[in-house]
Amino acid sequence: MRSPFASWIGQTVILQVAAEDLSVPLRGMIVEESAVSVRFRVADGKDFDIFKPMILAVEQDDCSEMLVN
């Protein structure tokens, strides 16, 4: 079965991420995925691993032209 994140790899997106009772949007690019996490690159080129259960939503970034990688 294909992962719901697979179609977003290489695209600039906004992730809605939750931790405890905090929810924040993160703008960047999904660069790869493992069984338990998604590797996410923010505008300054740093990569972060985000656990999949923390991701509430993935949205297309309409302002993606503004991001410089």
N, C-alpha and C. Protein backbone atom coordinates (compact mmCIF):
# COMPACT_ATOMS: atom_id res chain seq x y z
N MET A 1 0.84 -1.18 0.00
CA MET A 1 0.00 0.00 0.00
C MET A 1 0.89 1.25 0.00
N ARG A 2 0.57 2.19 -0.84
CA ARG A 2 1.35 3.42 -0.98
C ARG A 2 1.09 4.37 0.19
N SER A 3 2.15 4.99 0.68
CA SER A 3 2.05 5.93 1.79
C SER A 3 1.36 7.22 1.35
N PRO A 4 0.61 7.86 2.24
CA PRO A 4 -0.01 9.14 1.88
C PRO A 4 1.02 10.26 1.68
N PHE A 5 2.26 10.07 2.14
CA PHE A 5 3.29 11.08 1.98
C PHE A 5 4.07 10.94 0.67
N ALA A 6 3.99 9.79 0.03
CA ALA A 6 4.79 9.51 -1.16
C ALA A 6 4.56 10.52 -2.27
N SER A 7 3.35 10.94 -2.48
CA SER A 7 3.05 11.88 -3.57
C SER A 7 3.55 13.29 -3.27
N TRP A 8 3.90 13.58 -2.03
CA TRP A 8 4.38 14.91 -1.64
C TRP A 8 5.90 15.03 -1.66
N ILE A 9 6.62 13.94 -1.83
CA ILE A 9 8.09 13.98 -1.81
C ILE A 9 8.59 14.86 -2.96
N GLY A 10 9.48 15.80 -2.62
CA GLY A 10 10.04 16.72 -3.60
C GLY A 10 9.22 17.97 -3.83
N GLN A 11 8.09 18.09 -3.17
CA GLN A 11 7.23 19.26 -3.35
C GLN A 11 7.31 20.17 -2.12
N THR A 12 7.12 21.45 -2.35
CA THR A 12 7.07 22.40 -1.26
C THR A 12 5.67 22.37 -0.66
N VAL A 13 5.61 22.16 0.66
CA VAL A 13 4.33 21.97 1.33
C VAL A 13 4.31 22.74 2.65
N ILE A 14 3.15 22.76 3.25
CA ILE A 14 2.98 23.23 4.62
C ILE A 14 2.48 22.04 5.42
N LEU A 15 3.24 21.64 6.43
CA LEU A 15 2.84 20.56 7.32
C LEU A 15 2.19 21.16 8.56
N GLN A 16 1.05 20.62 8.94
CA GLN A 16 0.46 20.96 10.23
C GLN A 16 0.96 19.90 11.21
N VAL A 17 1.76 20.33 12.18
CA VAL A 17 2.42 19.40 13.10
C VAL A 17 1.95 19.67 14.52
N ALA A 18 1.67 18.60 15.27
CA ALA A 18 1.22 18.72 16.65
C ALA A 18 2.21 18.07 17.60
N ALA A 19 2.41 18.73 18.73
CA ALA A 19 3.21 18.18 19.83
C ALA A 19 2.54 18.64 21.12
N GLU A 20 2.18 17.66 21.95
CA GLU A 20 1.43 17.97 23.18
C GLU A 20 0.14 18.70 22.79
N ASP A 21 -0.12 19.89 23.36
CA ASP A 21 -1.33 20.64 22.98
C ASP A 21 -0.98 21.85 22.11
N LEU A 22 0.13 21.75 21.37
CA LEU A 22 0.57 22.80 20.46
C LEU A 22 0.47 22.29 19.02
N SER A 23 -0.03 23.13 18.12
CA SER A 23 -0.10 22.79 16.70
C SER A 23 0.50 23.94 15.91
N VAL A 24 1.47 23.63 15.03
CA VAL A 24 2.14 24.68 14.27
C VAL A 24 2.24 24.29 12.80
N PRO A 25 2.19 25.28 11.91
CA PRO A 25 2.44 25.01 10.49
C PRO A 25 3.94 25.14 10.20
N LEU A 26 4.47 24.23 9.40
CA LEU A 26 5.87 24.28 8.99
C LEU A 26 5.93 24.33 7.47
N ARG A 27 6.64 25.29 6.93
CA ARG A 27 6.77 25.43 5.48
C ARG A 27 8.13 24.87 5.06
N GLY A 28 8.12 23.99 4.06
CA GLY A 28 9.35 23.41 3.56
C GLY A 28 9.07 22.33 2.54
N MET A 29 10.00 21.37 2.43
CA MET A 29 9.88 20.31 1.43
C MET A 29 10.07 18.95 2.08
N ILE A 30 9.21 18.01 1.71
CA ILE A 30 9.40 16.62 2.13
C ILE A 30 10.44 16.02 1.20
N VAL A 31 11.57 15.55 1.78
CA VAL A 31 12.65 15.04 0.94
C VAL A 31 12.73 13.52 0.94
N GLU A 32 12.26 12.87 1.98
CA GLU A 32 12.18 11.40 1.98
C GLU A 32 11.34 10.94 3.15
N GLU A 33 11.11 9.65 3.19
CA GLU A 33 10.27 9.10 4.26
C GLU A 33 10.77 7.72 4.65
N SER A 34 10.61 7.41 5.93
CA SER A 34 10.92 6.07 6.43
C SER A 34 9.61 5.48 6.96
N ALA A 35 9.71 4.35 7.59
CA ALA A 35 8.51 3.70 8.12
C ALA A 35 7.86 4.53 9.23
N VAL A 36 8.65 5.29 10.00
CA VAL A 36 8.12 6.01 11.16
C VAL A 36 8.20 7.52 11.07
N SER A 37 8.95 8.06 10.10
CA SER A 37 9.13 9.51 10.05
C SER A 37 9.21 10.03 8.62
N VAL A 38 9.13 11.35 8.54
CA VAL A 38 9.27 12.07 7.27
C VAL A 38 10.46 13.02 7.43
N ARG A 39 11.37 13.02 6.46
CA ARG A 39 12.48 13.98 6.48
C ARG A 39 11.99 15.24 5.80
N PHE A 40 12.10 16.36 6.54
CA PHE A 40 11.53 17.64 6.11
C PHE A 40 12.63 18.69 6.05
N ARG A 41 12.73 19.41 4.93
CA ARG A 41 13.76 20.44 4.74
C ARG A 41 13.11 21.82 4.80
N VAL A 42 13.62 22.66 5.70
CA VAL A 42 13.12 24.03 5.81
C VAL A 42 13.94 24.94 4.90
N ALA A 43 13.53 26.20 4.77
CA ALA A 43 14.10 27.13 3.79
C ALA A 43 15.61 27.31 3.89
N ASP A 44 16.19 27.22 5.08
CA ASP A 44 17.63 27.44 5.19
C ASP A 44 18.45 26.18 4.91
N GLY A 45 17.78 25.14 4.42
CA GLY A 45 18.48 23.92 4.00
C GLY A 45 18.70 22.89 5.08
N LYS A 46 18.17 23.12 6.28
CA LYS A 46 18.31 22.14 7.36
C LYS A 46 17.21 21.10 7.25
N ASP A 47 17.58 19.84 7.50
CA ASP A 47 16.63 18.74 7.46
C ASP A 47 16.26 18.31 8.88
N PHE A 48 14.99 17.97 9.05
CA PHE A 48 14.49 17.48 10.33
C PHE A 48 13.68 16.22 10.07
N ASP A 49 13.75 15.28 11.00
CA ASP A 49 12.88 14.11 10.95
C ASP A 49 11.68 14.39 11.84
N ILE A 50 10.49 14.22 11.26
CA ILE A 50 9.25 14.45 11.99
C ILE A 50 8.50 13.12 12.03
N PHE A 51 8.16 12.66 13.23
CA PHE A 51 7.43 11.41 13.37
C PHE A 51 6.05 11.54 12.73
N LYS A 52 5.67 10.55 11.98
CA LYS A 52 4.40 10.58 11.23
C LYS A 52 3.17 10.83 12.10
N PRO A 53 3.08 10.24 13.32
CA PRO A 53 1.89 10.51 14.14
C PRO A 53 1.74 11.98 14.55
N MET A 54 2.81 12.77 14.45
CA MET A 54 2.74 14.19 14.80
C MET A 54 2.16 15.03 13.67
N ILE A 55 2.09 14.49 12.45
CA ILE A 55 1.63 15.25 11.29
C ILE A 55 0.11 15.15 11.18
N LEU A 56 -0.53 16.30 11.28
CA LEU A 56 -1.99 16.36 11.20
C LEU A 56 -2.49 16.52 9.78
N ALA A 57 -1.73 17.28 8.96
CA ALA A 57 -2.16 17.56 7.59
C ALA A 57 -0.96 17.96 6.74
N VAL A 58 -1.09 17.74 5.44
CA VAL A 58 -0.12 18.21 4.45
C VAL A 58 -0.90 19.03 3.43
N GLU A 59 -0.43 20.26 3.19
CA GLU A 59 -1.09 21.15 2.24
C GLU A 59 -0.09 21.63 1.20
N GLN A 60 -0.54 21.83 -0.01
CA GLN A 60 0.31 22.43 -1.03
C GLN A 60 0.62 23.86 -0.63
N ASP A 61 1.88 24.27 -0.80
CA ASP A 61 2.29 25.63 -0.47
C ASP A 61 2.10 26.51 -1.69
N ASP A 62 1.12 27.40 -1.64
CA ASP A 62 0.84 28.30 -2.76
C ASP A 62 1.91 29.37 -2.93
N CYS A 63 2.73 29.57 -1.92
CA CYS A 63 3.80 30.58 -1.98
C CYS A 63 5.15 29.94 -2.20
N SER A 64 5.17 28.77 -2.83
CA SER A 64 6.42 28.01 -2.96
C SER A 64 7.49 28.74 -3.77
N GLU A 65 7.09 29.68 -4.62
CA GLU A 65 8.09 30.43 -5.39
C GLU A 65 8.97 31.25 -4.47
N MET A 66 8.49 31.57 -3.29
CA MET A 66 9.21 32.42 -2.37
C MET A 66 10.30 31.64 -1.62
N LEU A 67 10.23 30.33 -1.62
CA LEU A 67 11.21 29.51 -0.92
C LEU A 67 12.46 29.35 -1.77
N VAL A 68 13.60 29.55 -1.20
CA VAL A 68 14.86 29.38 -1.91
C VAL A 68 15.62 28.25 -1.27
N ASN A 69 15.94 27.22 -2.05
CA ASN A 69 16.71 26.08 -1.53
C ASN A 69 18.11 26.09 -2.06
